[in-house]
Protein backbone atom coordinates (compact mmCIF):
# COMPACT_ATOMS: atom_id res chain seq x y z
CA MET A 1 109.52 -25.19 -145.30
CA LEU A 2 107.78 -27.32 -147.93
CA MET A 3 104.14 -27.72 -148.75
CA ALA A 4 103.13 -30.53 -151.07
CA SER A 5 100.16 -30.23 -153.38
CA SER A 6 98.50 -32.59 -155.75
CA ALA A 7 98.82 -31.33 -159.30
CA ALA A 8 95.91 -33.40 -160.46
CA THR A 9 92.45 -31.99 -160.16
CA GLN A 10 90.07 -34.20 -158.24
CA LYS A 11 86.32 -34.47 -158.21
CA ASP A 12 84.55 -33.04 -155.21
CA TRP A 13 83.03 -36.20 -153.74
CA TYR A 14 81.02 -34.20 -151.20
CA CYS A 15 79.42 -32.17 -153.97
CA ILE A 16 78.53 -35.33 -155.91
CA LEU A 17 76.64 -36.63 -152.86
CA GLY A 18 75.16 -33.22 -152.10
CA ALA A 19 76.93 -33.38 -148.75
CA HIS A 20 79.23 -31.29 -146.58
CA PRO A 21 82.51 -32.29 -144.89
CA SER A 22 80.82 -31.72 -141.54
CA ASP A 23 78.11 -34.33 -142.26
CA SER A 24 78.15 -37.46 -140.09
CA GLN A 25 78.66 -40.92 -141.56
CA ALA A 26 74.94 -41.58 -141.12
CA GLU A 27 74.08 -38.41 -143.07
CA LEU A 28 76.54 -39.29 -145.82
CA LYS A 29 75.09 -42.79 -146.08
CA GLN A 30 71.54 -41.43 -146.25
CA LYS A 31 72.47 -39.02 -149.05
CA TYR A 32 74.32 -41.78 -150.92
CA GLN A 33 71.39 -44.20 -150.67
CA LYS A 34 68.88 -41.59 -151.86
CA LEU A 35 71.01 -40.70 -154.91
CA ALA A 36 71.89 -44.32 -155.66
CA LEU A 37 68.21 -45.24 -155.79
CA LEU A 38 67.42 -42.22 -157.93
CA HIS A 39 70.18 -42.90 -160.48
CA HIS A 40 70.45 -46.71 -160.40
CA PRO A 41 70.26 -48.07 -163.97
CA ASP A 42 67.52 -50.55 -162.98
CA LYS A 43 65.36 -47.70 -161.66
CA ARG A 44 65.61 -45.55 -164.80
CA HIS A 45 62.60 -44.97 -167.07
CA LYS A 46 62.41 -47.20 -170.13
CA ALA A 47 61.39 -44.23 -172.29
CA GLU A 48 64.77 -42.48 -171.86
CA ASP A 49 66.95 -42.15 -174.93
CA ILE A 50 70.46 -43.62 -175.04
CA GLU A 51 72.07 -40.29 -174.08
CA GLN A 52 69.95 -39.94 -170.93
CA THR A 53 70.61 -43.57 -170.04
CA THR A 54 74.37 -43.08 -170.46
CA GLU A 55 74.34 -39.88 -168.38
CA GLY A 56 72.35 -41.64 -165.66
CA ALA A 57 74.78 -44.57 -165.60
CA GLN A 58 77.75 -42.18 -165.38
CA LYS A 59 76.08 -40.31 -162.53
CA PHE A 60 75.47 -43.60 -160.71
CA ILE A 61 79.17 -44.53 -161.13
CA GLU A 62 80.24 -41.15 -159.69
CA ILE A 63 77.88 -41.54 -156.75
CA SER A 64 79.28 -45.02 -156.07
CA GLN A 65 82.87 -43.71 -156.26
CA ALA A 66 82.01 -40.88 -153.86
CA TRP A 67 80.54 -43.33 -151.36
CA LYS A 68 83.52 -45.66 -151.72
CA ILE A 69 85.79 -42.81 -150.58
CA LEU A 70 83.55 -41.03 -148.08
CA GLY A 71 81.92 -44.14 -146.63
CA ASN A 72 85.21 -45.47 -145.26
CA GLU A 73 86.67 -43.56 -142.30
CA GLU A 74 90.30 -44.00 -143.42
CA THR A 75 89.82 -43.01 -147.07
CA LYS A 76 87.56 -40.13 -145.98
CA ARG A 77 90.27 -38.85 -143.63
CA GLU A 78 92.88 -39.03 -146.43
CA TYR A 79 90.53 -37.28 -148.85
CA ASP A 80 89.76 -34.55 -146.29
CA LEU A 81 93.50 -33.96 -145.79
CA GLN A 82 94.04 -33.69 -149.55
CA ARG A 83 91.12 -31.25 -149.85
CA ARG A 84 92.51 -29.09 -147.06
CA GLU A 85 95.98 -29.12 -148.60
CA THR A 86 94.53 -28.07 -151.96
CA GLU A 87 92.62 -25.22 -150.30
CA ILE A 88 95.80 -24.00 -148.62
CA THR A 89 97.74 -24.28 -151.87
CA ARG A 90 95.14 -22.27 -153.76
CA SER A 91 95.21 -19.56 -151.14
CA CYS A 92 99.00 -19.14 -151.43
CA HIS A 93 100.41 -16.69 -153.92
CA VAL A 94 102.91 -18.51 -156.12
CA ASP A 95 105.62 -16.17 -157.39
CA SER A 96 107.00 -18.46 -160.06
CA LEU A 97 106.45 -21.82 -161.75
CA ILE A 98 109.61 -23.75 -162.52
CA THR A 99 110.56 -27.27 -163.53
CA LEU A 100 112.92 -29.51 -161.64
CA GLU A 101 115.34 -29.19 -164.57
CA GLU A 102 115.74 -25.48 -163.75
CA MET A 103 116.99 -26.27 -160.25
CA GLU A 104 120.62 -27.16 -159.51
CA TRP A 105 121.50 -30.44 -157.81
CA GLU A 106 123.84 -29.95 -154.85
CA ASP A 107 125.83 -33.21 -154.60
CA ASP A 108 127.39 -32.56 -151.21
CA GLU A 109 124.07 -31.65 -149.54
CA GLU A 110 121.87 -33.94 -151.69
CA TYR A 111 119.11 -31.46 -152.49
CA PHE A 112 117.93 -29.28 -155.35
CA CYS A 113 118.47 -25.54 -155.10
CA TYR A 114 117.09 -22.52 -156.94
CA THR A 115 118.14 -18.92 -156.32
CA CYS A 116 115.42 -16.46 -155.36
CA ARG A 117 115.40 -12.90 -156.67
CA CYS A 118 116.09 -11.71 -153.10
CA GLY A 119 119.33 -13.71 -153.06
CA GLY A 120 117.92 -16.45 -150.84
CA ARG A 121 117.42 -20.03 -151.92
CA TYR A 122 114.58 -22.45 -152.54
CA ILE A 123 115.69 -25.87 -151.30
CA LEU A 124 114.02 -29.12 -152.30
CA ALA A 125 115.14 -32.42 -150.75
CA GLU A 126 115.25 -35.57 -152.88
CA GLU A 127 112.67 -37.33 -150.70
CA ASP A 128 110.15 -34.55 -151.43
CA LEU A 129 110.00 -35.32 -155.16
CA GLU A 130 106.93 -37.56 -155.04
CA GLN A 131 104.64 -34.80 -156.32
CA SER A 132 104.59 -31.21 -157.50
CA LEU A 133 105.59 -28.94 -154.66
CA LEU A 134 105.34 -25.46 -153.27
CA VAL A 135 108.68 -24.32 -151.86
CA ASN A 136 109.27 -21.24 -149.70
CA CYS A 137 112.39 -19.12 -150.05
CA ASP A 138 114.69 -19.47 -147.04
CA SER A 139 115.13 -15.65 -146.86
CA CYS A 140 111.83 -14.04 -147.86
CA SER A 141 108.14 -14.84 -148.24
CA LEU A 142 108.20 -15.75 -151.96
CA ILE A 143 106.96 -19.18 -153.02
CA ILE A 144 107.66 -21.19 -156.17
CA GLU A 145 105.85 -24.22 -157.51
CA VAL A 146 108.15 -26.93 -158.82
CA TYR A 147 106.94 -29.36 -161.46
CA LYS A 148 108.69 -32.65 -162.05
CA GLN A 149 109.99 -33.16 -165.55
CA ASN A 150 112.62 -35.76 -166.28
CA ILE A 151 112.89 -36.60 -162.60
CA ASP A 152 115.16 -39.52 -163.44
CA LEU A 153 118.07 -37.13 -164.15
CA MET A 154 119.68 -38.20 -160.86
CA GLN A 155 119.38 -41.91 -161.53
């Protein structure tokens, strides 16, 4: 059984809007509009120094990015799935971190294999190489995280 996880850390778009995943689209929009008005560069005080102006502009950009993702049902759904997957990944105990180079390529079966300390195997199919992965042992409950390095070894 495989569980994919994004290795890259993402911003919490809900936190940026001061929102919760359970908020409705109307609530998200209201929170976005309030923050956008508050941080819009045209609404900033003229007396602010350059550092405050830059921070305000950056905050406005983040707010706009958050709304771009959360304001669209499809991108919000994808983001929510990624958040959930990250939560699950963080709650799993990873026994070992290995690179793809440490795994053996099985030509006849067309997958990568790594031997577990229990004698079982961690199996990683070629089509699952799109991102860093958590892989369960086929004999016990241990989990490894596999990082791609030199993934073009097979090509």
